[in-house]
Amino acid sequence: MKIELEIPDKFLDDVTVRVFAGIQMVAYQSPGNKKWYIKTENCQQCGKCCTHLGPTNTWITNTQSIDGRCKFLTDLPDGRRLCGLGISRPFGCAVTTDMHEENPNCPVYYREV
């Protein structure tokens, strides 16, 4: 699939542009950077991104359990783990858990295009 957008350069200097497919971020461009980063594969629903939440993660207010695992992370019988909040999960979860630079526990990477 090819998507074309024309976004003024002055806008790109101040904000990160993110492209989502449903609740999963699939691409982003950081402020001042003309390069795009595309997700290499779909989320594997392993839950690793939600099991290493340190006490300093304030973007996910009131959702941590004591062991660093999000209390909304649900284990499924087939080994996958899903967010119990579904589409209602906080925006910070969708962004922070999907960007490998911010959470090295995620096995899915972004590549530069």
N, C-alpha and C. Protein backbone atom coordinates (compact mmCIF):
# COMPACT_ATOMS: atom_id res chain seq x y z
N MET A 1 0.85 -1.17 0.00
CA MET A 1 0.00 0.00 0.00
C MET A 1 0.89 1.23 0.00
N LYS A 2 0.50 2.22 -0.74
CA LYS A 2 1.23 3.47 -0.77
C LYS A 2 0.30 4.59 -0.36
N ILE A 3 0.76 5.38 0.60
CA ILE A 3 0.00 6.53 1.08
C ILE A 3 0.86 7.77 0.86
N GLU A 4 0.30 8.78 0.26
CA GLU A 4 1.04 10.02 0.06
C GLU A 4 0.37 11.15 0.83
N LEU A 5 1.20 11.89 1.58
CA LEU A 5 0.72 13.04 2.34
C LEU A 5 1.62 14.23 2.05
N GLU A 6 1.04 15.39 1.99
CA GLU A 6 1.83 16.61 1.86
C GLU A 6 1.64 17.40 3.15
N ILE A 7 2.70 17.42 3.95
CA ILE A 7 2.67 18.09 5.25
C ILE A 7 3.69 19.22 5.20
N PRO A 8 3.30 20.44 5.55
CA PRO A 8 4.24 21.57 5.51
C PRO A 8 5.46 21.31 6.39
N ASP A 9 6.66 21.66 5.87
CA ASP A 9 7.90 21.45 6.61
C ASP A 9 7.89 22.11 7.98
N LYS A 10 7.31 23.30 8.10
CA LYS A 10 7.32 24.01 9.38
C LYS A 10 6.57 23.22 10.45
N PHE A 11 5.58 22.44 10.07
CA PHE A 11 4.84 21.61 11.00
C PHE A 11 5.72 20.46 11.49
N LEU A 12 6.50 19.88 10.60
CA LEU A 12 7.34 18.73 10.93
C LEU A 12 8.50 19.08 11.84
N ASP A 13 8.83 20.36 11.95
CA ASP A 13 9.93 20.76 12.83
C ASP A 13 9.53 20.74 14.30
N ASP A 14 8.24 20.71 14.59
CA ASP A 14 7.77 20.84 15.96
C ASP A 14 7.14 19.59 16.57
N VAL A 15 6.67 18.66 15.75
CA VAL A 15 5.93 17.52 16.28
C VAL A 15 6.38 16.21 15.64
N THR A 16 6.12 15.11 16.33
CA THR A 16 6.31 13.79 15.74
C THR A 16 5.04 13.42 15.00
N VAL A 17 5.18 12.98 13.76
CA VAL A 17 4.04 12.54 12.97
C VAL A 17 3.98 11.02 13.08
N ARG A 18 2.81 10.51 13.45
CA ARG A 18 2.62 9.07 13.63
C ARG A 18 1.49 8.58 12.74
N VAL A 19 1.67 7.41 12.13
CA VAL A 19 0.63 6.79 11.30
C VAL A 19 0.18 5.52 12.01
N PHE A 20 -1.12 5.40 12.20
CA PHE A 20 -1.69 4.23 12.89
C PHE A 20 -2.53 3.39 11.95
N ALA A 21 -2.56 2.09 12.20
CA ALA A 21 -3.50 1.17 11.57
C ALA A 21 -4.29 0.59 12.74
N GLY A 22 -5.49 1.08 12.94
CA GLY A 22 -6.26 0.70 14.13
C GLY A 22 -5.58 1.29 15.35
N ILE A 23 -5.22 0.45 16.33
CA ILE A 23 -4.55 0.96 17.54
C ILE A 23 -3.04 0.73 17.50
N GLN A 24 -2.52 0.25 16.38
CA GLN A 24 -1.10 -0.06 16.26
C GLN A 24 -0.38 0.99 15.41
N MET A 25 0.67 1.58 15.98
CA MET A 25 1.45 2.55 15.21
C MET A 25 2.29 1.79 14.19
N VAL A 26 2.26 2.24 12.93
CA VAL A 26 2.99 1.55 11.87
C VAL A 26 4.12 2.38 11.27
N ALA A 27 4.12 3.70 11.51
CA ALA A 27 5.19 4.54 10.99
C ALA A 27 5.26 5.84 11.79
N TYR A 28 6.44 6.45 11.78
CA TYR A 28 6.57 7.75 12.45
C TYR A 28 7.72 8.53 11.84
N GLN A 29 7.67 9.85 12.04
CA GLN A 29 8.73 10.76 11.66
C GLN A 29 8.94 11.72 12.82
N SER A 30 10.18 11.82 13.31
CA SER A 30 10.49 12.67 14.46
C SER A 30 10.69 14.12 14.04
N PRO A 31 10.52 15.07 14.98
CA PRO A 31 10.70 16.49 14.66
C PRO A 31 12.09 16.78 14.10
N GLY A 32 12.14 17.58 13.05
CA GLY A 32 13.40 17.97 12.45
C GLY A 32 14.08 16.89 11.62
N ASN A 33 13.52 15.70 11.55
CA ASN A 33 14.10 14.59 10.80
C ASN A 33 13.24 14.33 9.57
N LYS A 34 13.81 14.34 8.41
CA LYS A 34 13.04 14.14 7.18
C LYS A 34 12.85 12.67 6.85
N LYS A 35 13.44 11.78 7.65
CA LYS A 35 13.34 10.34 7.38
C LYS A 35 12.13 9.75 8.10
N TRP A 36 11.50 8.79 7.44
CA TRP A 36 10.39 8.05 8.03
C TRP A 36 10.89 6.70 8.52
N TYR A 37 10.24 6.18 9.55
CA TYR A 37 10.55 4.87 10.08
C TYR A 37 9.28 4.03 10.02
N ILE A 38 9.39 2.86 9.40
CA ILE A 38 8.25 1.98 9.16
C ILE A 38 8.41 0.71 9.99
N LYS A 39 7.34 0.25 10.60
CA LYS A 39 7.37 -0.97 11.40
C LYS A 39 7.68 -2.17 10.51
N THR A 40 8.58 -3.03 10.96
CA THR A 40 9.02 -4.16 10.14
C THR A 40 8.02 -5.31 10.10
N GLU A 41 7.17 -5.41 11.09
CA GLU A 41 6.16 -6.48 11.13
C GLU A 41 5.06 -6.09 12.11
N ASN A 42 3.97 -6.81 12.07
CA ASN A 42 2.86 -6.55 12.99
C ASN A 42 3.24 -6.94 14.41
N CYS A 43 2.52 -6.38 15.35
CA CYS A 43 2.68 -6.74 16.75
C CYS A 43 2.48 -8.24 16.90
N GLN A 44 3.38 -8.88 17.66
CA GLN A 44 3.30 -10.32 17.89
C GLN A 44 2.47 -10.68 19.11
N GLN A 45 1.97 -9.68 19.78
CA GLN A 45 1.15 -9.85 20.98
C GLN A 45 1.84 -10.70 22.03
N CYS A 46 3.15 -10.44 22.19
CA CYS A 46 3.92 -11.18 23.19
C CYS A 46 3.78 -10.55 24.58
N GLY A 47 3.41 -9.27 24.63
CA GLY A 47 3.23 -8.59 25.90
C GLY A 47 4.51 -8.10 26.56
N LYS A 48 5.66 -8.30 25.91
CA LYS A 48 6.93 -7.88 26.51
C LYS A 48 6.98 -6.38 26.76
N CYS A 49 6.32 -5.61 25.91
CA CYS A 49 6.34 -4.16 26.06
C CYS A 49 5.58 -3.71 27.31
N CYS A 50 4.74 -4.56 27.85
CA CYS A 50 3.91 -4.20 29.00
C CYS A 50 4.35 -4.90 30.28
N THR A 51 5.52 -5.54 30.25
CA THR A 51 5.97 -6.28 31.44
C THR A 51 7.22 -5.69 32.08
N HIS A 52 7.72 -4.59 31.54
CA HIS A 52 8.92 -3.96 32.11
C HIS A 52 8.65 -2.49 32.39
N LEU A 53 7.55 -2.20 33.03
CA LEU A 53 7.19 -0.83 33.34
C LEU A 53 7.81 -0.44 34.66
N GLY A 54 8.83 0.37 34.60
CA GLY A 54 9.49 0.81 35.82
C GLY A 54 8.65 1.83 36.57
N PRO A 55 9.04 2.15 37.78
CA PRO A 55 8.27 3.10 38.59
C PRO A 55 8.28 4.52 38.03
N THR A 56 9.15 4.80 37.05
CA THR A 56 9.22 6.15 36.49
C THR A 56 8.31 6.34 35.28
N ASN A 57 7.62 5.30 34.84
CA ASN A 57 6.72 5.43 33.69
C ASN A 57 5.45 6.15 34.10
N THR A 58 5.39 7.44 33.87
CA THR A 58 4.22 8.21 34.26
C THR A 58 3.19 8.30 33.14
N TRP A 59 3.55 7.85 31.94
CA TRP A 59 2.63 7.93 30.81
C TRP A 59 1.50 6.92 30.95
N ILE A 60 1.63 5.96 31.80
CA ILE A 60 0.57 4.97 31.98
C ILE A 60 0.09 5.07 33.43
N THR A 61 -0.61 6.10 33.71
CA THR A 61 -1.02 6.45 35.07
C THR A 61 -1.90 5.37 35.69
N ASN A 62 -1.50 4.95 36.87
CA ASN A 62 -2.30 4.04 37.70
C ASN A 62 -2.55 2.67 37.09
N THR A 63 -1.68 2.17 36.23
CA THR A 63 -1.95 0.86 35.64
C THR A 63 -0.88 -0.17 35.95
N GLN A 64 0.14 0.18 36.69
CA GLN A 64 1.20 -0.77 36.99
C GLN A 64 0.85 -1.68 38.15
N SER A 65 1.34 -2.90 38.08
CA SER A 65 1.29 -3.76 39.25
C SER A 65 2.68 -3.71 39.88
N ILE A 66 2.86 -4.34 41.00
CA ILE A 66 4.10 -4.24 41.75
C ILE A 66 5.29 -4.82 40.99
N ASP A 67 5.09 -5.88 40.19
CA ASP A 67 6.21 -6.53 39.50
C ASP A 67 6.59 -5.86 38.18
N GLY A 68 6.05 -4.69 37.88
CA GLY A 68 6.38 -3.99 36.65
C GLY A 68 5.52 -4.36 35.47
N ARG A 69 4.61 -5.27 35.66
CA ARG A 69 3.70 -5.70 34.60
C ARG A 69 2.41 -4.90 34.69
N CYS A 70 1.93 -4.42 33.55
CA CYS A 70 0.67 -3.66 33.53
C CYS A 70 -0.46 -4.56 34.03
N LYS A 71 -1.28 -4.02 34.90
CA LYS A 71 -2.37 -4.82 35.46
C LYS A 71 -3.47 -5.12 34.44
N PHE A 72 -3.45 -4.44 33.29
CA PHE A 72 -4.45 -4.70 32.26
C PHE A 72 -3.99 -5.72 31.22
N LEU A 73 -2.76 -6.23 31.36
CA LEU A 73 -2.24 -7.23 30.42
C LEU A 73 -2.90 -8.58 30.71
N THR A 74 -3.54 -9.14 29.70
CA THR A 74 -4.29 -10.38 29.85
C THR A 74 -3.58 -11.52 29.14
N ASP A 75 -3.33 -12.62 29.85
CA ASP A 75 -2.72 -13.82 29.25
C ASP A 75 -3.80 -14.66 28.59
N LEU A 76 -3.57 -15.03 27.32
CA LEU A 76 -4.51 -15.89 26.60
C LEU A 76 -4.00 -17.32 26.61
N PRO A 77 -4.88 -18.31 26.44
CA PRO A 77 -4.46 -19.72 26.46
C PRO A 77 -3.43 -20.08 25.40
N ASP A 78 -3.42 -19.37 24.27
CA ASP A 78 -2.49 -19.70 23.18
C ASP A 78 -1.12 -19.04 23.35
N GLY A 79 -0.86 -18.38 24.48
CA GLY A 79 0.43 -17.77 24.74
C GLY A 79 0.51 -16.30 24.41
N ARG A 80 -0.46 -15.78 23.70
CA ARG A 80 -0.46 -14.35 23.40
C ARG A 80 -0.91 -13.57 24.63
N ARG A 81 -0.57 -12.29 24.62
CA ARG A 81 -1.00 -11.40 25.70
C ARG A 81 -1.64 -10.18 25.07
N LEU A 82 -2.77 -9.79 25.57
CA LEU A 82 -3.49 -8.65 25.03
C LEU A 82 -3.75 -7.61 26.11
N CYS A 83 -3.88 -6.37 25.66
CA CYS A 83 -4.26 -5.30 26.58
C CYS A 83 -5.75 -5.43 26.86
N GLY A 84 -6.10 -5.52 28.13
CA GLY A 84 -7.50 -5.63 28.51
C GLY A 84 -8.30 -4.38 28.23
N LEU A 85 -7.60 -3.26 27.96
CA LEU A 85 -8.30 -2.02 27.66
C LEU A 85 -8.69 -1.91 26.19
N GLY A 86 -8.06 -2.74 25.34
CA GLY A 86 -8.37 -2.72 23.91
C GLY A 86 -8.22 -1.34 23.31
N ILE A 87 -9.20 -0.92 22.53
CA ILE A 87 -9.16 0.36 21.86
C ILE A 87 -9.17 1.53 22.84
N SER A 88 -9.51 1.28 24.09
CA SER A 88 -9.56 2.34 25.10
C SER A 88 -8.23 2.56 25.81
N ARG A 89 -7.19 1.84 25.38
CA ARG A 89 -5.90 2.00 26.05
C ARG A 89 -5.38 3.41 25.86
N PRO A 90 -4.60 3.93 26.82
CA PRO A 90 -4.08 5.28 26.73
C PRO A 90 -3.19 5.48 25.51
N PHE A 91 -3.22 6.66 24.93
CA PHE A 91 -2.41 6.97 23.76
C PHE A 91 -0.93 6.72 24.04
N GLY A 92 -0.47 7.04 25.23
CA GLY A 92 0.93 6.82 25.58
C GLY A 92 1.35 5.37 25.48
N CYS A 93 0.44 4.46 25.74
CA CYS A 93 0.76 3.04 25.61
C CYS A 93 0.97 2.67 24.15
N ALA A 94 0.09 3.14 23.28
CA ALA A 94 0.18 2.82 21.86
C ALA A 94 1.47 3.36 21.26
N VAL A 95 1.89 4.52 21.69
CA VAL A 95 3.09 5.14 21.13
C VAL A 95 4.35 4.59 21.78
N THR A 96 4.43 4.65 23.09
CA THR A 96 5.65 4.28 23.78
C THR A 96 5.97 2.81 23.64
N THR A 97 4.99 1.95 23.68
CA THR A 97 5.28 0.52 23.58
C THR A 97 5.62 0.11 22.17
N ASP A 98 5.26 0.90 21.18
CA ASP A 98 5.54 0.52 19.81
C ASP A 98 6.84 1.07 19.26
N MET A 99 7.41 2.09 19.85
CA MET A 99 8.64 2.67 19.34
C MET A 99 9.83 2.01 20.00
N HIS A 100 10.56 1.19 19.27
CA HIS A 100 11.65 0.40 19.83
C HIS A 100 12.71 1.26 20.51
N GLU A 101 12.92 2.47 20.01
CA GLU A 101 13.93 3.33 20.62
C GLU A 101 13.57 3.66 22.07
N GLU A 102 12.28 3.70 22.37
CA GLU A 102 11.86 4.04 23.72
C GLU A 102 11.63 2.82 24.60
N ASN A 103 11.41 1.67 24.01
CA ASN A 103 11.19 0.46 24.78
C ASN A 103 11.92 -0.71 24.13
N PRO A 104 13.16 -0.99 24.54
CA PRO A 104 13.94 -2.06 23.93
C PRO A 104 13.40 -3.46 24.21
N ASN A 105 12.35 -3.59 25.02
CA ASN A 105 11.77 -4.90 25.29
C ASN A 105 10.90 -5.39 24.14
N CYS A 106 10.52 -4.50 23.23
CA CYS A 106 9.67 -4.88 22.10
C CYS A 106 10.51 -5.56 21.02
N PRO A 107 10.11 -6.76 20.58
CA PRO A 107 10.89 -7.47 19.55
C PRO A 107 10.64 -6.96 18.13
N VAL A 108 9.69 -6.07 17.93
CA VAL A 108 9.38 -5.54 16.60
C VAL A 108 10.14 -4.22 16.42
N TYR A 109 10.80 -4.09 15.31
CA TYR A 109 11.62 -2.91 15.04
C TYR A 109 11.03 -2.04 13.94
N TYR A 110 11.54 -0.82 13.87
CA TYR A 110 11.20 0.11 12.79
C TYR A 110 12.44 0.24 11.92
N ARG A 111 12.25 0.33 10.60
CA ARG A 111 13.38 0.54 9.71
C ARG A 111 13.24 1.89 9.03
N GLU A 112 14.36 2.49 8.74
CA GLU A 112 14.38 3.78 8.07
C GLU A 112 14.05 3.61 6.59
N VAL A 113 13.20 4.49 6.08
CA VAL A 113 12.88 4.47 4.64
C VAL A 113 13.16 5.82 4.02
